[in-house]
Amino acid sequence: MFGLSAQMCRRALLQEEVQMDRKRIIVAISGASGAIYGVTALRKLRELGIETHLILSKSAMLTLESELDLSMQDVAALAEQLHKVGDVGATIASGSFPTMGMLIAPCSIRTLGEIASGVTQSLISRAADVCLKERRKLVLMVRETPFHLGHLRQMTAVTEMGAIVAPPVPAFYAMPSTLQEMVDHSIGRVLDLFGLDTGIRRWSGLSS
């Protein structure tokens, strides 16, 4: 009996080690304009062999359809697992579930506000809160302009808490010829923050 218990313990420890070794990132798409950023991130992460856990807000489903003509099923097919936005009992709602961190692309002002206040009303803000408390990467592609003082204070607050605010600002030195190339570069730069290289064109200095 004791031998069986020891065997079960070893198996559990082995499973835990395998789980810890797996590279996974949480990707959330909020209802802000710019759903293309989240979709592109999912595609790039799949190419890199990174396991993705996806959350779509209710508003995101409307934005995906209106901006990209994509359904929830289309986007869910790009991720390893889709979590319901109201499922606060999901694996990613616990710090014991290891991840490389979380990317919210795009991040709406409402989502930013929930994270800044610590009042988690959905799985998106709960998973973000978990990343902050576990000292994991949390990257917010805040999509709004212009900003008023309240927006700026919320961005300051989440930065002080450990998040990285990375609005999708185009890099014209990359000489993009299409909108998708511009988006690819922006996603490449935020995935750099997770130590992931998507092969984007990088600044090589000005020629004399």
Protein backbone atom coordinates (compact mmCIF):
# COMPACT_ATOMS: atom_id res chain seq x y z
CA MET A 1 0.00 0.00 0.00
CA PHE A 2 2.83 2.36 0.94
CA GLY A 3 4.62 1.41 -2.30
CA LEU A 4 1.55 2.31 -4.32
CA SER A 5 1.30 5.67 -2.55
CA ALA A 6 4.96 6.41 -3.28
CA GLN A 7 4.47 5.46 -6.92
CA MET A 8 1.46 7.76 -7.18
CA CYS A 9 3.45 10.59 -5.59
CA ARG A 10 6.32 10.11 -8.06
CA ARG A 11 3.84 10.11 -10.96
CA ALA A 12 2.21 13.29 -9.67
CA LEU A 13 5.61 14.99 -9.31
CA LEU A 14 6.60 13.93 -12.82
CA GLN A 15 3.35 15.30 -14.24
CA GLU A 16 3.95 18.57 -12.37
CA GLU A 17 7.49 18.83 -13.78
CA VAL A 18 6.19 18.23 -17.32
CA GLN A 19 3.52 20.87 -16.82
CA MET A 20 6.08 23.38 -15.52
CA ASP A 21 8.26 22.78 -18.60
CA ARG A 22 5.44 23.51 -21.04
CA LYS A 23 5.50 26.95 -22.62
CA ARG A 24 2.07 28.49 -22.56
CA ILE A 25 0.69 32.01 -22.81
CA ILE A 26 -2.75 33.38 -22.05
CA VAL A 27 -4.15 35.54 -24.85
CA ALA A 28 -7.21 37.69 -24.25
CA ILE A 29 -9.09 39.69 -26.85
CA SER A 30 -11.27 42.45 -25.44
CA GLY A 31 -13.95 44.42 -27.25
CA ALA A 32 -11.75 47.34 -28.25
CA SER A 33 -11.10 47.96 -31.92
CA GLY A 34 -8.06 46.08 -33.16
CA ALA A 35 -9.07 42.42 -32.87
CA ILE A 36 -6.52 41.74 -35.61
CA TYR A 37 -3.76 42.08 -33.00
CA GLY A 38 -5.08 39.21 -30.90
CA VAL A 39 -5.70 36.99 -33.91
CA THR A 40 -2.22 37.69 -35.27
CA ALA A 41 -0.69 36.92 -31.86
CA LEU A 42 -2.44 33.54 -31.79
CA ARG A 43 -1.13 32.70 -35.26
CA LYS A 44 2.44 33.73 -34.41
CA LEU A 45 2.41 31.79 -31.14
CA ARG A 46 1.16 28.69 -32.95
CA GLU A 47 4.04 28.99 -35.43
CA LEU A 48 6.44 29.17 -32.46
CA GLY A 49 4.93 26.07 -30.85
CA ILE A 50 3.61 27.95 -27.81
CA GLU A 51 0.49 26.60 -26.12
CA THR A 52 -2.19 29.29 -26.02
CA HIS A 53 -5.15 29.72 -23.69
CA LEU A 54 -7.69 32.11 -25.19
CA ILE A 55 -10.33 34.32 -23.59
CA LEU A 56 -12.78 36.33 -25.66
CA SER A 57 -14.94 39.00 -24.09
CA LYS A 58 -18.55 39.25 -25.23
CA SER A 59 -17.76 42.51 -27.02
CA ALA A 60 -14.74 40.90 -28.70
CA MET A 61 -17.01 38.46 -30.50
CA LEU A 62 -18.85 41.40 -32.06
CA THR A 63 -15.60 43.15 -32.99
CA LEU A 64 -14.14 40.01 -34.58
CA GLU A 65 -17.18 39.66 -36.79
CA SER A 66 -17.41 43.32 -37.79
CA GLU A 67 -13.68 43.98 -38.33
CA LEU A 68 -12.40 40.61 -39.57
CA ASP A 69 -15.52 38.66 -40.54
CA LEU A 70 -14.43 35.90 -38.15
CA SER A 71 -16.61 33.82 -35.84
CA MET A 72 -15.77 32.69 -32.32
CA GLN A 73 -15.16 29.20 -33.73
CA ASP A 74 -12.70 30.56 -36.31
CA VAL A 75 -10.60 32.24 -33.62
CA ALA A 76 -10.94 29.42 -31.09
CA ALA A 77 -9.42 27.06 -33.68
CA LEU A 78 -6.17 29.06 -33.43
CA ALA A 79 -5.75 28.29 -29.70
CA GLU A 80 -5.17 25.11 -27.74
CA GLN A 81 -8.00 25.97 -25.37
CA LEU A 82 -10.81 28.54 -25.28
CA HIS A 83 -12.00 29.60 -21.83
CA LYS A 84 -15.39 31.18 -21.23
CA VAL A 85 -15.05 34.77 -20.07
CA GLY A 86 -17.31 34.06 -17.09
CA ASP A 87 -15.49 30.90 -15.99
CA VAL A 88 -13.63 32.18 -12.93
CA GLY A 89 -12.95 28.55 -11.99
CA ALA A 90 -10.80 27.95 -15.07
CA THR A 91 -7.23 26.66 -14.74
CA ILE A 92 -5.79 30.05 -15.72
CA ALA A 93 -7.61 31.67 -12.79
CA SER A 94 -5.14 30.04 -10.42
CA GLY A 95 -1.50 30.88 -9.79
CA SER A 96 -0.76 27.16 -9.46
CA PHE A 97 -1.26 26.82 -13.24
CA PRO A 98 2.12 27.81 -14.71
CA THR A 99 2.25 30.16 -17.70
CA MET A 100 4.77 32.50 -19.29
CA GLY A 101 2.30 35.30 -18.71
CA MET A 102 -0.58 36.99 -20.48
CA LEU A 103 -1.14 39.23 -23.49
CA ILE A 104 -4.31 41.29 -23.84
CA ALA A 105 -4.57 42.35 -27.47
CA PRO A 106 -6.30 44.69 -27.78
CA CYS A 107 -6.91 45.86 -24.23
CA SER A 108 -9.99 48.01 -23.77
CA ILE A 109 -10.14 50.85 -21.27
CA ARG A 110 -12.74 48.92 -19.30
CA THR A 111 -10.39 45.94 -18.99
CA LEU A 112 -7.54 48.27 -18.05
CA GLY A 113 -9.72 49.82 -15.35
CA GLU A 114 -10.63 46.43 -13.85
CA ILE A 115 -6.97 45.41 -13.68
CA ALA A 116 -5.90 48.73 -12.19
CA SER A 117 -8.58 48.57 -9.49
CA GLY A 118 -8.05 44.91 -8.66
CA VAL A 119 -11.82 44.34 -8.95
CA THR A 120 -11.87 41.30 -11.23
CA GLN A 121 -15.28 40.95 -12.87
CA SER A 122 -14.36 38.46 -15.58
CA LEU A 123 -11.83 35.73 -16.34
CA ILE A 124 -9.80 38.27 -18.34
CA SER A 125 -9.18 40.57 -15.39
CA ARG A 126 -8.87 37.62 -12.98
CA ALA A 127 -6.19 35.93 -15.11
CA ALA A 128 -4.40 39.29 -15.42
CA ASP A 129 -4.53 39.71 -11.66
CA VAL A 130 -3.03 36.23 -11.23
CA CYS A 131 -0.13 37.16 -13.52
CA LEU A 132 0.54 40.27 -11.44
CA LYS A 133 0.48 38.46 -8.09
CA GLU A 134 2.68 35.65 -9.43
CA ARG A 135 5.12 38.23 -10.93
CA ARG A 136 4.56 36.97 -14.45
CA LYS A 137 4.56 39.04 -17.62
CA LEU A 138 1.35 40.95 -18.27
CA VAL A 139 1.35 42.94 -21.51
CA LEU A 140 -1.55 45.26 -22.30
CA MET A 141 -1.97 46.53 -25.85
CA VAL A 142 -4.19 49.41 -24.77
CA ARG A 143 -6.24 50.59 -27.73
CA GLU A 144 -7.58 54.12 -27.25
CA THR A 145 -6.80 57.67 -28.32
CA PRO A 146 -6.64 60.36 -27.16
CA PHE A 147 -6.17 59.53 -23.46
CA HIS A 148 -7.71 61.58 -20.68
CA LEU A 149 -6.14 61.88 -17.24
CA GLY A 150 -8.11 58.93 -15.86
CA HIS A 151 -6.75 56.64 -18.58
CA LEU A 152 -3.19 57.82 -17.91
CA ARG A 153 -3.55 57.27 -14.18
CA GLN A 154 -4.84 53.74 -14.76
CA MET A 155 -1.86 53.00 -17.01
CA THR A 156 0.48 54.38 -14.36
CA ALA A 157 -1.22 52.19 -11.73
CA VAL A 158 -0.88 48.94 -13.69
CA THR A 159 2.74 49.80 -14.55
CA GLU A 160 3.52 50.29 -10.86
CA MET A 161 1.88 46.90 -10.24
CA GLY A 162 4.21 45.22 -12.72
CA ALA A 163 2.31 45.21 -16.03
CA ILE A 164 3.71 46.49 -19.31
CA VAL A 165 1.55 48.93 -21.26
CA ALA A 166 2.33 48.53 -24.95
CA PRO A 167 -0.10 50.40 -27.21
CA PRO A 168 0.06 49.18 -30.83
CA VAL A 169 2.16 52.02 -32.20
CA PRO A 170 3.43 51.34 -35.75
CA ALA A 171 7.18 51.27 -36.40
CA PHE A 172 7.65 52.97 -39.76
CA TYR A 173 11.38 52.15 -39.86
CA ALA A 174 10.28 48.59 -40.67
CA MET A 175 8.90 49.98 -43.96
CA PRO A 176 5.59 48.07 -43.89
CA SER A 177 3.87 47.81 -47.25
CA THR A 178 0.59 46.39 -45.94
CA LEU A 179 -1.57 46.76 -42.85
CA GLN A 180 -0.83 43.13 -41.93
CA GLU A 181 2.92 43.77 -42.03
CA MET A 182 2.41 46.68 -39.65
CA VAL A 183 0.37 44.47 -37.30
CA ASP A 184 2.94 41.64 -37.55
CA HIS A 185 5.68 44.00 -36.43
CA SER A 186 3.67 45.29 -33.48
CA ILE A 187 2.93 41.74 -32.35
CA GLY A 188 6.57 40.78 -32.88
CA ARG A 189 7.63 43.58 -30.54
CA VAL A 190 5.25 42.54 -27.76
CA LEU A 191 6.24 38.89 -28.10
CA ASP A 192 9.86 40.07 -27.71
CA LEU A 193 8.82 40.91 -24.14
CA PHE A 194 8.18 37.20 -23.54
CA GLY A 195 11.55 36.26 -25.03
CA LEU A 196 9.97 35.05 -28.28
CA ASP A 197 11.46 35.97 -31.66
CA THR A 198 9.08 36.11 -34.63
CA GLY A 199 11.75 37.25 -37.09
CA ILE A 200 10.60 40.85 -37.45
CA ARG A 201 12.67 43.49 -39.19
CA ARG A 202 14.73 45.27 -36.55
CA TRP A 203 16.34 48.68 -36.36
CA SER A 204 19.84 48.47 -37.83
CA GLY A 205 20.86 52.08 -37.39
CA LEU A 206 21.00 55.00 -39.80
CA SER A 207 23.41 54.71 -42.67
CA SER A 208 25.93 57.55 -42.80
